[in-house]
ModelCIF file with pLDDT and N, C-alpha, C, O atoms, coordinates in Angstrom:
data_MODEL
#
_entry.id   MODEL 
#
_entity.id                         1 
_entity.type                       polymer 
_entity.pdbx_number_of_molecules   1 
#
_entity_poly.entity_id                      1 
_entity_poly.type                           'polypeptide(L)' 
_entity_poly.nstd_linkage                   no 
_entity_poly.nstd_monomer                   no 
_entity_poly.pdbx_seq_one_letter_code       QPTTCMRCAVGCGYLQTEADDDEHIVDVSGDPNHPTNGGVKCQRG 
_entity_poly.pdbx_seq_one_letter_code_can   QPTTCMRCAVGCGYLQTEADDDEHIVDVSGDPNHPTNGGVKCQRG 
_entity_poly.pdbx_strand_id                 A 
#
loop_
_entity_poly_seq.entity_id 
_entity_poly_seq.num 
_entity_poly_seq.mon_id 
_entity_poly_seq.hetero 
1 1  GLN n 
1 2  PRO n 
1 3  THR n 
1 4  THR n 
1 5  CYS n 
1 6  MET n 
1 7  ARG n 
1 8  CYS n 
1 9  ALA n 
1 10 VAL n 
1 11 GLY n 
1 12 CYS n 
1 13 GLY n 
1 14 TYR n 
1 15 LEU n 
1 16 GLN n 
1 17 THR n 
1 18 GLU n 
1 19 ALA n 
1 20 ASP n 
1 21 ASP n 
1 22 ASP n 
1 23 GLU n 
1 24 HIS n 
1 25 ILE n 
1 26 VAL n 
1 27 ASP n 
1 28 VAL n 
1 29 SER n 
1 30 GLY n 
1 31 ASP n 
1 32 PRO n 
1 33 ASN n 
1 34 HIS n 
1 35 PRO n 
1 36 THR n 
1 37 ASN n 
1 38 GLY n 
1 39 GLY n 
1 40 VAL n 
1 41 LYS n 
1 42 CYS n 
1 43 GLN n 
1 44 ARG n 
1 45 GLY n 
#
_struct_asym.id          A 
_struct_asym.entity_id   1 
#
loop_
_ma_qa_metric.id 
_ma_qa_metric.mode 
_ma_qa_metric.name 
_ma_qa_metric.software_group_id 
_ma_qa_metric.type 
1 global pLDDT . pLDDT 
2 local  pLDDT . pLDDT 
#
_ma_qa_metric_global.metric_id      1 
_ma_qa_metric_global.metric_value   82.84 
_ma_qa_metric_global.model_id       1 
_ma_qa_metric_global.ordinal_id     1 
#
loop_
_ma_qa_metric_local.label_asym_id 
_ma_qa_metric_local.label_comp_id 
_ma_qa_metric_local.label_seq_id 
_ma_qa_metric_local.metric_id 
_ma_qa_metric_local.metric_value 
_ma_qa_metric_local.model_id 
_ma_qa_metric_local.ordinal_id 
A GLN 1  2 87.00 1 1  
A PRO 2  2 93.00 1 2  
A THR 3  2 92.00 1 3  
A THR 4  2 93.00 1 4  
A CYS 5  2 90.00 1 5  
A MET 6  2 87.00 1 6  
A ARG 7  2 84.00 1 7  
A CYS 8  2 89.00 1 8  
A ALA 9  2 93.00 1 9  
A VAL 10 2 95.00 1 10 
A GLY 11 2 95.00 1 11 
A CYS 12 2 95.00 1 12 
A GLY 13 2 95.00 1 13 
A TYR 14 2 91.00 1 14 
A LEU 15 2 91.00 1 15 
A GLN 16 2 85.00 1 16 
A THR 17 2 80.00 1 17 
A GLU 18 2 72.00 1 18 
A ALA 19 2 64.00 1 19 
A ASP 20 2 63.00 1 20 
A ASP 21 2 58.00 1 21 
A ASP 22 2 51.00 1 22 
A GLU 23 2 54.00 1 23 
A HIS 24 2 59.00 1 24 
A ILE 25 2 63.00 1 25 
A VAL 26 2 68.00 1 26 
A ASP 27 2 78.00 1 27 
A VAL 28 2 81.00 1 28 
A SER 29 2 86.00 1 29 
A GLY 30 2 90.00 1 30 
A ASP 31 2 93.00 1 31 
A PRO 32 2 95.00 1 32 
A ASN 33 2 94.00 1 33 
A HIS 34 2 95.00 1 34 
A PRO 35 2 95.00 1 35 
A THR 36 2 95.00 1 36 
A ASN 37 2 94.00 1 37 
A GLY 38 2 94.00 1 38 
A GLY 39 2 92.00 1 39 
A VAL 40 2 91.00 1 40 
A LYS 41 2 83.00 1 41 
A CYS 42 2 86.00 1 42 
A GLN 43 2 71.00 1 43 
A ARG 44 2 66.00 1 44 
A GLY 45 2 62.00 1 45 
#
loop_
_atom_site.group_PDB 
_atom_site.id 
_atom_site.type_symbol 
_atom_site.label_atom_id 
_atom_site.label_alt_id 
_atom_site.label_comp_id 
_atom_site.label_asym_id 
_atom_site.label_entity_id 
_atom_site.label_seq_id 
_atom_site.pdbx_PDB_ins_code 
_atom_site.Cartn_x 
_atom_site.Cartn_y 
_atom_site.Cartn_z 
_atom_site.occupancy 
_atom_site.B_iso_or_equiv 
_atom_site.pdbx_formal_charge 
_atom_site.auth_seq_id 
_atom_site.auth_comp_id 
_atom_site.auth_asym_id 
_atom_site.auth_atom_id 
_atom_site.pdbx_PDB_model_num 
ATOM 1   N N  . GLN A 1 1  ? 49.625 146.733 94.589  1.00 87.00 ? 1  GLN A N  1 
ATOM 2   C CA . GLN A 1 1  ? 49.991 147.759 93.616  1.00 87.00 ? 1  GLN A CA 1 
ATOM 3   C C  . GLN A 1 1  ? 49.425 147.408 92.245  1.00 87.00 ? 1  GLN A C  1 
ATOM 4   O O  . GLN A 1 1  ? 49.455 146.247 91.839  1.00 87.00 ? 1  GLN A O  1 
ATOM 5   N N  . PRO A 1 2  ? 48.906 148.414 91.526  1.00 93.00 ? 2  PRO A N  1 
ATOM 6   C CA . PRO A 1 2  ? 48.504 148.162 90.139  1.00 93.00 ? 2  PRO A CA 1 
ATOM 7   C C  . PRO A 1 2  ? 49.729 148.075 89.241  1.00 93.00 ? 2  PRO A C  1 
ATOM 8   O O  . PRO A 1 2  ? 50.715 148.779 89.457  1.00 93.00 ? 2  PRO A O  1 
ATOM 9   N N  . THR A 1 3  ? 49.665 147.223 88.250  1.00 92.00 ? 3  THR A N  1 
ATOM 10  C CA . THR A 1 3  ? 50.752 147.091 87.279  1.00 92.00 ? 3  THR A CA 1 
ATOM 11  C C  . THR A 1 3  ? 50.171 146.582 85.972  1.00 92.00 ? 3  THR A C  1 
ATOM 12  O O  . THR A 1 3  ? 48.955 146.440 85.844  1.00 92.00 ? 3  THR A O  1 
ATOM 13  N N  . THR A 1 4  ? 51.032 146.307 85.005  1.00 93.00 ? 4  THR A N  1 
ATOM 14  C CA . THR A 1 4  ? 50.609 145.808 83.699  1.00 93.00 ? 4  THR A CA 1 
ATOM 15  C C  . THR A 1 4  ? 51.310 144.482 83.423  1.00 93.00 ? 4  THR A C  1 
ATOM 16  O O  . THR A 1 4  ? 52.520 144.356 83.609  1.00 93.00 ? 4  THR A O  1 
ATOM 17  N N  . CYS A 1 5  ? 50.541 143.505 82.983  1.00 90.00 ? 5  CYS A N  1 
ATOM 18  C CA . CYS A 1 5  ? 51.128 142.215 82.606  1.00 90.00 ? 5  CYS A CA 1 
ATOM 19  C C  . CYS A 1 5  ? 52.007 142.398 81.372  1.00 90.00 ? 5  CYS A C  1 
ATOM 20  O O  . CYS A 1 5  ? 51.611 143.068 80.419  1.00 90.00 ? 5  CYS A O  1 
ATOM 21  N N  . MET A 1 6  ? 53.196 141.805 81.390  1.00 87.00 ? 6  MET A N  1 
ATOM 22  C CA . MET A 1 6  ? 54.092 141.892 80.240  1.00 87.00 ? 6  MET A CA 1 
ATOM 23  C C  . MET A 1 6  ? 54.266 140.543 79.556  1.00 87.00 ? 6  MET A C  1 
ATOM 24  O O  . MET A 1 6  ? 55.308 140.270 78.961  1.00 87.00 ? 6  MET A O  1 
ATOM 25  N N  . ARG A 1 7  ? 53.244 139.704 79.644  1.00 84.00 ? 7  ARG A N  1 
ATOM 26  C CA . ARG A 1 7  ? 53.291 138.405 78.985  1.00 84.00 ? 7  ARG A CA 1 
ATOM 27  C C  . ARG A 1 7  ? 53.020 138.527 77.488  1.00 84.00 ? 7  ARG A C  1 
ATOM 28  O O  . ARG A 1 7  ? 53.644 137.831 76.687  1.00 84.00 ? 7  ARG A O  1 
ATOM 29  N N  . CYS A 1 8  ? 52.081 139.417 77.099  1.00 89.00 ? 8  CYS A N  1 
ATOM 30  C CA . CYS A 1 8  ? 51.814 139.646 75.685  1.00 89.00 ? 8  CYS A CA 1 
ATOM 31  C C  . CYS A 1 8  ? 51.388 141.090 75.513  1.00 89.00 ? 8  CYS A C  1 
ATOM 32  O O  . CYS A 1 8  ? 51.438 141.862 76.470  1.00 89.00 ? 8  CYS A O  1 
ATOM 33  N N  . ALA A 1 9  ? 50.976 141.468 74.330  1.00 93.00 ? 9  ALA A N  1 
ATOM 34  C CA . ALA A 1 9  ? 50.706 142.870 74.026  1.00 93.00 ? 9  ALA A CA 1 
ATOM 35  C C  . ALA A 1 9  ? 49.260 143.269 74.238  1.00 93.00 ? 9  ALA A C  1 
ATOM 36  O O  . ALA A 1 9  ? 48.879 144.377 73.858  1.00 93.00 ? 9  ALA A O  1 
ATOM 37  N N  . VAL A 1 10 ? 48.429 142.406 74.835  1.00 95.00 ? 10 VAL A N  1 
ATOM 38  C CA . VAL A 1 10 ? 47.070 142.822 75.165  1.00 95.00 ? 10 VAL A CA 1 
ATOM 39  C C  . VAL A 1 10 ? 47.118 143.947 76.195  1.00 95.00 ? 10 VAL A C  1 
ATOM 40  O O  . VAL A 1 10 ? 46.319 144.881 76.132  1.00 95.00 ? 10 VAL A O  1 
ATOM 41  N N  . GLY A 1 11 ? 48.060 143.861 77.154  1.00 95.00 ? 11 GLY A N  1 
ATOM 42  C CA . GLY A 1 11 ? 48.260 144.947 78.105  1.00 95.00 ? 11 GLY A CA 1 
ATOM 43  C C  . GLY A 1 11 ? 47.293 144.937 79.265  1.00 95.00 ? 11 GLY A C  1 
ATOM 44  O O  . GLY A 1 11 ? 46.829 145.997 79.686  1.00 95.00 ? 11 GLY A O  1 
ATOM 45  N N  . CYS A 1 12 ? 46.976 143.762 79.796  1.00 95.00 ? 12 CYS A N  1 
ATOM 46  C CA . CYS A 1 12 ? 46.023 143.656 80.900  1.00 95.00 ? 12 CYS A CA 1 
ATOM 47  C C  . CYS A 1 12 ? 46.560 144.298 82.171  1.00 95.00 ? 12 CYS A C  1 
ATOM 48  O O  . CYS A 1 12 ? 47.746 144.192 82.482  1.00 95.00 ? 12 CYS A O  1 
ATOM 49  N N  . GLY A 1 13 ? 45.679 144.959 82.893  1.00 95.00 ? 13 GLY A N  1 
ATOM 50  C CA . GLY A 1 13 ? 46.034 145.534 84.178  1.00 95.00 ? 13 GLY A CA 1 
ATOM 51  C C  . GLY A 1 13 ? 45.910 144.506 85.282  1.00 95.00 ? 13 GLY A C  1 
ATOM 52  O O  . GLY A 1 13 ? 44.935 143.758 85.342  1.00 95.00 ? 13 GLY A O  1 
ATOM 53  N N  . TYR A 1 14 ? 46.916 144.472 86.167  1.00 91.00 ? 14 TYR A N  1 
ATOM 54  C CA . TYR A 1 14 ? 46.951 143.543 87.289  1.00 91.00 ? 14 TYR A CA 1 
ATOM 55  C C  . TYR A 1 14 ? 47.000 144.313 88.600  1.00 91.00 ? 14 TYR A C  1 
ATOM 56  O O  . TYR A 1 14 ? 47.380 145.484 88.648  1.00 91.00 ? 14 TYR A O  1 
ATOM 57  N N  . LEU A 1 15 ? 46.610 143.629 89.644  1.00 91.00 ? 15 LEU A N  1 
ATOM 58  C CA . LEU A 1 15 ? 46.921 144.046 91.010  1.00 91.00 ? 15 LEU A CA 1 
ATOM 59  C C  . LEU A 1 15 ? 47.849 142.999 91.589  1.00 91.00 ? 15 LEU A C  1 
ATOM 60  O O  . LEU A 1 15 ? 47.525 141.812 91.587  1.00 91.00 ? 15 LEU A O  1 
ATOM 61  N N  . GLN A 1 16 ? 49.008 143.430 92.089  1.00 85.00 ? 16 GLN A N  1 
ATOM 62  C CA . GLN A 1 16 ? 49.987 142.485 92.608  1.00 85.00 ? 16 GLN A CA 1 
ATOM 63  C C  . GLN A 1 16 ? 50.275 142.796 94.077  1.00 85.00 ? 16 GLN A C  1 
ATOM 64  O O  . GLN A 1 16 ? 50.335 143.955 94.486  1.00 85.00 ? 16 GLN A O  1 
ATOM 65  N N  . THR A 1 17 ? 50.446 141.747 94.845  1.00 80.00 ? 17 THR A N  1 
ATOM 66  C CA . THR A 1 17 ? 50.682 141.874 96.279  1.00 80.00 ? 17 THR A CA 1 
ATOM 67  C C  . THR A 1 17 ? 52.089 141.433 96.606  1.00 80.00 ? 17 THR A C  1 
ATOM 68  O O  . THR A 1 17 ? 52.529 140.356 96.203  1.00 80.00 ? 17 THR A O  1 
ATOM 69  N N  . GLU A 1 18 ? 52.779 142.263 97.331  1.00 72.00 ? 18 GLU A N  1 
ATOM 70  C CA . GLU A 1 18 ? 54.182 142.019 97.657  1.00 72.00 ? 18 GLU A CA 1 
ATOM 71  C C  . GLU A 1 18 ? 54.323 140.968 98.749  1.00 72.00 ? 18 GLU A C  1 
ATOM 72  O O  . GLU A 1 18 ? 53.536 140.920 99.695  1.00 72.00 ? 18 GLU A O  1 
ATOM 73  N N  . ALA A 1 19 ? 55.348 140.123 98.598  1.00 64.00 ? 19 ALA A N  1 
ATOM 74  C CA . ALA A 1 19 ? 55.642 139.118 99.619  1.00 64.00 ? 19 ALA A CA 1 
ATOM 75  C C  . ALA A 1 19 ? 56.310 139.757 100.826 1.00 64.00 ? 19 ALA A C  1 
ATOM 76  O O  . ALA A 1 19 ? 56.920 140.822 100.728 1.00 64.00 ? 19 ALA A O  1 
ATOM 77  N N  . ASP A 1 20 ? 56.180 139.082 101.975 1.00 63.00 ? 20 ASP A N  1 
ATOM 78  C CA . ASP A 1 20 ? 56.815 139.598 103.192 1.00 63.00 ? 20 ASP A CA 1 
ATOM 79  C C  . ASP A 1 20 ? 58.327 139.643 103.073 1.00 63.00 ? 20 ASP A C  1 
ATOM 80  O O  . ASP A 1 20 ? 58.972 140.529 103.633 1.00 63.00 ? 20 ASP A O  1 
ATOM 81  N N  . ASP A 1 21 ? 58.904 138.674 102.333 1.00 58.00 ? 21 ASP A N  1 
ATOM 82  C CA . ASP A 1 21 ? 60.363 138.581 102.248 1.00 58.00 ? 21 ASP A CA 1 
ATOM 83  C C  . ASP A 1 21 ? 60.936 139.363 101.075 1.00 58.00 ? 21 ASP A C  1 
ATOM 84  O O  . ASP A 1 21 ? 62.148 139.344 100.860 1.00 58.00 ? 21 ASP A O  1 
ATOM 85  N N  . ASP A 1 22 ? 60.085 140.052 100.308 1.00 51.00 ? 22 ASP A N  1 
ATOM 86  C CA . ASP A 1 22 ? 60.516 140.864 99.168  1.00 51.00 ? 22 ASP A CA 1 
ATOM 87  C C  . ASP A 1 22 ? 61.221 140.056 98.084  1.00 51.00 ? 22 ASP A C  1 
ATOM 88  O O  . ASP A 1 22 ? 61.915 140.627 97.244  1.00 51.00 ? 22 ASP A O  1 
ATOM 89  N N  . GLU A 1 23 ? 61.054 138.754 98.092  1.00 54.00 ? 23 GLU A N  1 
ATOM 90  C CA . GLU A 1 23 ? 61.744 137.938 97.095  1.00 54.00 ? 23 GLU A CA 1 
ATOM 91  C C  . GLU A 1 23 ? 60.873 137.638 95.882  1.00 54.00 ? 23 GLU A C  1 
ATOM 92  O O  . GLU A 1 23 ? 61.390 137.404 94.789  1.00 54.00 ? 23 GLU A O  1 
ATOM 93  N N  . HIS A 1 24 ? 59.586 137.642 96.063  1.00 59.00 ? 24 HIS A N  1 
ATOM 94  C CA . HIS A 1 24 ? 58.721 137.394 94.918  1.00 59.00 ? 24 HIS A CA 1 
ATOM 95  C C  . HIS A 1 24 ? 57.331 137.927 95.213  1.00 59.00 ? 24 HIS A C  1 
ATOM 96  O O  . HIS A 1 24 ? 57.008 138.246 96.357  1.00 59.00 ? 24 HIS A O  1 
ATOM 97  N N  . ILE A 1 25 ? 56.513 138.022 94.180  1.00 63.00 ? 25 ILE A N  1 
ATOM 98  C CA . ILE A 1 25 ? 55.137 138.479 94.317  1.00 63.00 ? 25 ILE A CA 1 
ATOM 99  C C  . ILE A 1 25 ? 54.284 137.273 94.695  1.00 63.00 ? 25 ILE A C  1 
ATOM 100 O O  . ILE A 1 25 ? 54.380 136.218 94.068  1.00 63.00 ? 25 ILE A O  1 
ATOM 101 N N  . VAL A 1 26 ? 53.451 137.429 95.716  1.00 68.00 ? 26 VAL A N  1 
ATOM 102 C CA . VAL A 1 26 ? 52.726 136.270 96.213  1.00 68.00 ? 26 VAL A CA 1 
ATOM 103 C C  . VAL A 1 26 ? 51.323 136.133 95.636  1.00 68.00 ? 26 VAL A C  1 
ATOM 104 O O  . VAL A 1 26 ? 50.737 135.051 95.692  1.00 68.00 ? 26 VAL A O  1 
ATOM 105 N N  . ASP A 1 27 ? 50.768 137.226 95.076  1.00 78.00 ? 27 ASP A N  1 
ATOM 106 C CA . ASP A 1 27 ? 49.413 137.120 94.551  1.00 78.00 ? 27 ASP A CA 1 
ATOM 107 C C  . ASP A 1 27 ? 49.228 138.123 93.418  1.00 78.00 ? 27 ASP A C  1 
ATOM 108 O O  . ASP A 1 27 ? 49.691 139.260 93.499  1.00 78.00 ? 27 ASP A O  1 
ATOM 109 N N  . VAL A 1 28 ? 48.551 137.691 92.373  1.00 81.00 ? 28 VAL A N  1 
ATOM 110 C CA . VAL A 1 28 ? 48.234 138.563 91.246  1.00 81.00 ? 28 VAL A CA 1 
ATOM 111 C C  . VAL A 1 28 ? 46.771 138.356 90.891  1.00 81.00 ? 28 VAL A C  1 
ATOM 112 O O  . VAL A 1 28 ? 46.305 137.220 90.803  1.00 81.00 ? 28 VAL A O  1 
ATOM 113 N N  . SER A 1 29 ? 46.055 139.436 90.688  1.00 86.00 ? 29 SER A N  1 
ATOM 114 C CA . SER A 1 29 ? 44.666 139.358 90.253  1.00 86.00 ? 29 SER A CA 1 
ATOM 115 C C  . SER A 1 29 ? 44.421 140.420 89.193  1.00 86.00 ? 29 SER A C  1 
ATOM 116 O O  . SER A 1 29 ? 45.204 141.360 89.062  1.00 86.00 ? 29 SER A O  1 
ATOM 117 N N  . GLY A 1 30 ? 43.342 140.277 88.439  1.00 90.00 ? 30 GLY A N  1 
ATOM 118 C CA . GLY A 1 30 ? 42.988 141.274 87.451  1.00 90.00 ? 30 GLY A CA 1 
ATOM 119 C C  . GLY A 1 30 ? 42.551 142.570 88.119  1.00 90.00 ? 30 GLY A C  1 
ATOM 120 O O  . GLY A 1 30 ? 41.925 142.559 89.180  1.00 90.00 ? 30 GLY A O  1 
ATOM 121 N N  . ASP A 1 31 ? 42.893 143.692 87.479  1.00 93.00 ? 31 ASP A N  1 
ATOM 122 C CA . ASP A 1 31 ? 42.554 145.004 88.023  1.00 93.00 ? 31 ASP A CA 1 
ATOM 123 C C  . ASP A 1 31 ? 41.202 145.441 87.452  1.00 93.00 ? 31 ASP A C  1 
ATOM 124 O O  . ASP A 1 31 ? 41.117 145.754 86.265  1.00 93.00 ? 31 ASP A O  1 
ATOM 125 N N  . PRO A 1 32 ? 40.146 145.471 88.270  1.00 95.00 ? 32 PRO A N  1 
ATOM 126 C CA . PRO A 1 32 ? 38.821 145.831 87.740  1.00 95.00 ? 32 PRO A CA 1 
ATOM 127 C C  . PRO A 1 32 ? 38.726 147.282 87.283  1.00 95.00 ? 32 PRO A C  1 
ATOM 128 O O  . PRO A 1 32 ? 37.799 147.641 86.558  1.00 95.00 ? 32 PRO A O  1 
ATOM 129 N N  . ASN A 1 33 ? 39.682 148.126 87.702  1.00 94.00 ? 33 ASN A N  1 
ATOM 130 C CA . ASN A 1 33 ? 39.661 149.531 87.313  1.00 94.00 ? 33 ASN A CA 1 
ATOM 131 C C  . ASN A 1 33 ? 40.488 149.827 86.065  1.00 94.00 ? 33 ASN A C  1 
ATOM 132 O O  . ASN A 1 33 ? 40.568 150.975 85.628  1.00 94.00 ? 33 ASN A O  1 
ATOM 133 N N  . HIS A 1 34 ? 41.102 148.795 85.494  1.00 95.00 ? 34 HIS A N  1 
ATOM 134 C CA . HIS A 1 34 ? 41.947 149.016 84.322  1.00 95.00 ? 34 HIS A CA 1 
ATOM 135 C C  . HIS A 1 34 ? 41.079 149.015 83.065  1.00 95.00 ? 34 HIS A C  1 
ATOM 136 O O  . HIS A 1 34 ? 40.331 148.063 82.843  1.00 95.00 ? 34 HIS A O  1 
ATOM 137 N N  . PRO A 1 35 ? 41.162 150.071 82.227  1.00 95.00 ? 35 PRO A N  1 
ATOM 138 C CA . PRO A 1 35 ? 40.263 150.169 81.061  1.00 95.00 ? 35 PRO A CA 1 
ATOM 139 C C  . PRO A 1 35 ? 40.516 149.125 79.986  1.00 95.00 ? 35 PRO A C  1 
ATOM 140 O O  . PRO A 1 35 ? 39.653 148.903 79.137  1.00 95.00 ? 35 PRO A O  1 
ATOM 141 N N  . THR A 1 36 ? 41.673 148.482 80.001  1.00 95.00 ? 36 THR A N  1 
ATOM 142 C CA . THR A 1 36 ? 41.950 147.473 78.973  1.00 95.00 ? 36 THR A CA 1 
ATOM 143 C C  . THR A 1 36 ? 41.167 146.198 79.227  1.00 95.00 ? 36 THR A C  1 
ATOM 144 O O  . THR A 1 36 ? 40.456 145.729 78.339  1.00 95.00 ? 36 THR A O  1 
ATOM 145 N N  . ASN A 1 37 ? 41.280 145.630 80.409  1.00 94.00 ? 37 ASN A N  1 
ATOM 146 C CA . ASN A 1 37 ? 40.708 144.305 80.662  1.00 94.00 ? 37 ASN A CA 1 
ATOM 147 C C  . ASN A 1 37 ? 39.636 144.272 81.731  1.00 94.00 ? 37 ASN A C  1 
ATOM 148 O O  . ASN A 1 37 ? 38.951 143.258 81.869  1.00 94.00 ? 37 ASN A O  1 
ATOM 149 N N  . GLY A 1 38 ? 39.460 145.355 82.503  1.00 94.00 ? 38 GLY A N  1 
ATOM 150 C CA . GLY A 1 38 ? 38.388 145.405 83.492  1.00 94.00 ? 38 GLY A CA 1 
ATOM 151 C C  . GLY A 1 38 ? 38.385 144.262 84.478  1.00 94.00 ? 38 GLY A C  1 
ATOM 152 O O  . GLY A 1 38 ? 37.326 143.848 84.951  1.00 94.00 ? 38 GLY A O  1 
ATOM 153 N N  . GLY A 1 39 ? 39.571 143.742 84.798  1.00 92.00 ? 39 GLY A N  1 
ATOM 154 C CA . GLY A 1 39 ? 39.678 142.676 85.783  1.00 92.00 ? 39 GLY A CA 1 
ATOM 155 C C  . GLY A 1 39 ? 39.829 141.290 85.204  1.00 92.00 ? 39 GLY A C  1 
ATOM 156 O O  . GLY A 1 39 ? 40.207 140.363 85.921  1.00 92.00 ? 39 GLY A O  1 
ATOM 157 N N  . VAL A 1 40 ? 39.542 141.120 83.912  1.00 91.00 ? 40 VAL A N  1 
ATOM 158 C CA . VAL A 1 40 ? 39.712 139.810 83.280  1.00 91.00 ? 40 VAL A CA 1 
ATOM 159 C C  . VAL A 1 40 ? 41.203 139.520 83.144  1.00 91.00 ? 40 VAL A C  1 
ATOM 160 O O  . VAL A 1 40 ? 41.988 140.437 82.905  1.00 91.00 ? 40 VAL A O  1 
ATOM 161 N N  . LYS A 1 41 ? 41.599 138.276 83.290  1.00 83.00 ? 41 LYS A N  1 
ATOM 162 C CA . LYS A 1 41 ? 43.017 137.923 83.173  1.00 83.00 ? 41 LYS A CA 1 
ATOM 163 C C  . LYS A 1 41 ? 43.119 136.505 82.625  1.00 83.00 ? 41 LYS A C  1 
ATOM 164 O O  . LYS A 1 41 ? 42.155 135.740 82.658  1.00 83.00 ? 41 LYS A O  1 
ATOM 165 N N  . CYS A 1 42 ? 44.313 136.166 82.118  1.00 86.00 ? 42 CYS A N  1 
ATOM 166 C CA . CYS A 1 42 ? 44.603 134.774 81.775  1.00 86.00 ? 42 CYS A CA 1 
ATOM 167 C C  . CYS A 1 42 ? 45.658 134.259 82.746  1.00 86.00 ? 42 CYS A C  1 
ATOM 168 O O  . CYS A 1 42 ? 46.315 135.046 83.428  1.00 86.00 ? 42 CYS A O  1 
ATOM 169 N N  . GLN A 1 43 ? 45.817 132.980 82.807  1.00 71.00 ? 43 GLN A N  1 
ATOM 170 C CA . GLN A 1 43 ? 46.720 132.399 83.803  1.00 71.00 ? 43 GLN A CA 1 
ATOM 171 C C  . GLN A 1 43 ? 48.190 132.475 83.422  1.00 71.00 ? 43 GLN A C  1 
ATOM 172 O O  . GLN A 1 43 ? 49.057 132.314 84.280  1.00 71.00 ? 43 GLN A O  1 
ATOM 173 N N  . ARG A 1 44 ? 48.486 132.719 82.147  1.00 66.00 ? 44 ARG A N  1 
ATOM 174 C CA . ARG A 1 44 ? 49.895 132.692 81.731  1.00 66.00 ? 44 ARG A CA 1 
ATOM 175 C C  . ARG A 1 44 ? 50.682 133.804 82.399  1.00 66.00 ? 44 ARG A C  1 
ATOM 176 O O  . ARG A 1 44 ? 51.727 133.556 83.000  1.00 66.00 ? 44 ARG A O  1 
ATOM 177 N N  . GLY A 1 45 ? 50.182 135.033 82.297  1.00 62.00 ? 45 GLY A N  1 
ATOM 178 C CA . GLY A 1 45 ? 50.881 136.151 82.914  1.00 62.00 ? 45 GLY A CA 1 
ATOM 179 C C  . GLY A 1 45 ? 50.927 136.039 84.414  1.00 62.00 ? 45 GLY A C  1 
ATOM 180 O O  . GLY A 1 45 ? 51.485 136.910 85.081  1.00 62.00 ? 45 GLY A O  1 
#
């Protein structure tokens, strides 16, 4: 699912993958289709 990082106000777009157990997100990557960051991300968020 596409989402937005809420670590700071840059507003980077993420793609997040749901865990099988619904307890936490297992993978996050930059969203190449997001006009803010075009897939670039930092590790903090």
